Amino acid sequence: MSDEQGWRPVEEGRTLGLEGSEGGIIVRDEEHPAGLRMTLEAEPARSFHALTCGISGWLVHARHFGSEAEARAAWDEMKPALVTLAMQLPASRGSGLDPATREAGAKLGAFLARFP
């Protein structure tokens, strides 16, 4: 699957300009049919930029940056990595003792370590 294949604006772009989960104004918000979402928020007056990504049922992760350039570079780096991670996870979560769930936990942990 191409990294860009399937990504589209959330709610056809109607979330842009709204307040995001991290307290900034949403400037970019995209979702993928595999249950992925990436949201970029900004408050330039405070030098605040937040990037939140998620995989439905598995992960919500927010990162904070001091500049727009850093946040946009992180977006470009994280987007394909998020797709790759999602494709490696089971369709649903099992118990913590389930080998597939344990393996998924390790993959999620590696993603969080790569993108702290």
Protein backbone atom coordinates (compact mmCIF):
# COMPACT_ATOMS: atom_id res chain seq x y z
CA MET A 1 0.00 0.00 0.00
CA SER A 2 1.26 3.46 -0.87
CA ASP A 3 1.82 5.75 2.10
CA GLU A 4 -0.59 8.31 0.66
CA GLN A 5 -3.18 5.84 -0.63
CA GLY A 6 -6.47 6.26 1.17
CA TRP A 7 -5.64 9.32 3.31
CA ARG A 8 -8.32 12.01 3.20
CA PRO A 9 -9.32 15.12 5.19
CA VAL A 10 -11.35 14.34 8.31
CA GLU A 11 -15.00 15.38 7.86
CA GLU A 12 -14.12 16.76 4.42
CA GLY A 13 -11.96 19.43 6.07
CA ARG A 14 -14.62 20.77 8.46
CA THR A 15 -12.36 20.16 11.50
CA LEU A 16 -9.81 22.73 10.29
CA GLY A 17 -9.88 25.82 12.48
CA LEU A 18 -11.48 24.00 15.42
CA GLU A 19 -9.77 23.48 18.77
CA GLY A 20 -7.92 20.17 18.93
CA SER A 21 -7.42 17.72 21.76
CA GLU A 22 -4.10 19.35 22.74
CA GLY A 23 -5.56 22.87 22.98
CA GLY A 24 -4.32 24.26 19.67
CA ILE A 25 -6.16 25.11 16.47
CA ILE A 26 -6.37 22.25 13.97
CA VAL A 27 -4.39 23.13 10.83
CA ARG A 28 -4.20 19.67 9.27
CA ASP A 29 -6.37 16.63 9.98
CA GLU A 30 -6.34 13.43 7.95
CA GLU A 31 -7.74 9.93 8.33
CA HIS A 32 -7.18 6.60 6.65
CA PRO A 33 -9.77 3.84 6.16
CA ALA A 34 -7.54 1.44 8.15
CA GLY A 35 -8.59 3.35 11.30
CA LEU A 36 -5.71 5.83 11.31
CA ARG A 37 -5.80 9.53 12.05
CA MET A 38 -3.24 12.31 12.21
CA THR A 39 -4.00 15.80 13.49
CA LEU A 40 -1.71 18.82 13.54
CA GLU A 41 -2.54 21.72 15.84
CA ALA A 42 -0.84 25.09 16.13
CA GLU A 43 -0.79 28.20 18.29
CA PRO A 44 1.99 30.28 16.71
CA ALA A 45 1.72 33.02 19.35
CA ARG A 46 2.87 30.46 21.93
CA SER A 47 5.28 28.60 19.59
CA PHE A 48 3.05 25.58 20.19
CA HIS A 49 2.61 22.80 17.66
CA ALA A 50 1.12 19.41 18.50
CA LEU A 51 0.90 16.30 16.37
CA THR A 52 -1.50 13.58 17.46
CA CYS A 53 -1.73 10.23 15.73
CA GLY A 54 -3.90 7.23 16.38
CA ILE A 55 -4.79 3.70 15.38
CA SER A 56 -8.36 2.85 16.30
CA GLY A 57 -8.47 0.44 19.22
CA TRP A 58 -4.70 0.47 19.69
CA LEU A 59 -3.00 3.83 20.03
CA VAL A 60 -3.34 7.57 20.64
CA HIS A 61 -0.04 9.41 20.79
CA ALA A 62 0.67 13.15 20.98
CA ARG A 63 3.95 14.94 20.40
CA HIS A 64 4.75 18.62 20.94
CA PHE A 65 7.09 20.87 18.98
CA GLY A 66 8.40 24.41 19.24
CA SER A 67 8.21 25.22 15.54
CA GLU A 68 5.99 24.59 12.55
CA ALA A 69 8.96 23.21 10.58
CA GLU A 70 9.66 20.57 13.25
CA ALA A 71 5.99 19.56 13.42
CA ARG A 72 5.64 19.27 9.64
CA ALA A 73 8.84 17.23 9.37
CA ALA A 74 7.54 14.92 12.09
CA TRP A 75 4.23 14.57 10.20
CA ASP A 76 6.08 13.51 7.05
CA GLU A 77 8.19 10.99 8.99
CA MET A 78 5.40 9.55 11.13
CA LYS A 79 2.70 9.15 8.48
CA PRO A 80 4.26 6.22 6.57
CA ALA A 81 5.47 4.67 9.85
CA LEU A 82 1.91 4.76 11.20
CA VAL A 83 0.59 2.97 8.10
CA THR A 84 3.32 0.34 8.40
CA LEU A 85 2.56 -0.19 12.09
CA ALA A 86 -1.19 -0.51 11.49
CA MET A 87 -0.63 -3.16 8.82
CA GLN A 88 1.38 -5.22 11.35
CA LEU A 89 -1.29 -5.24 14.08
CA PRO A 90 -3.98 -7.90 14.47
CA ALA A 91 -7.51 -6.92 13.44
CA SER A 92 -8.59 -7.04 17.08
CA ARG A 93 -7.02 -7.16 20.51
CA GLY A 94 -6.84 -10.36 22.43
CA SER A 95 -5.95 -10.77 26.08
CA GLY A 96 -2.57 -9.65 27.39
CA LEU A 97 -1.46 -13.29 27.36
CA ASP A 98 -2.33 -13.79 23.69
CA PRO A 99 0.94 -14.04 21.67
CA ALA A 100 -0.38 -11.79 18.87
CA THR A 101 -1.38 -9.12 21.38
CA ARG A 102 1.99 -9.33 23.11
CA GLU A 103 3.76 -8.98 19.78
CA ALA A 104 1.53 -5.99 18.94
CA GLY A 105 2.50 -4.41 22.26
CA ALA A 106 6.16 -4.71 21.35
CA LYS A 107 5.54 -3.08 17.96
CA LEU A 108 3.54 -0.26 19.55
CA GLY A 109 6.33 0.25 22.09
CA ALA A 110 8.93 0.45 19.32
CA PHE A 111 6.83 3.09 17.52
CA LEU A 112 6.52 5.16 20.71
CA ALA A 113 10.27 4.87 21.34
CA ARG A 114 11.01 5.98 17.78
CA PHE A 115 8.62 8.94 18.04
CA PRO A 116 8.76 10.13 21.68
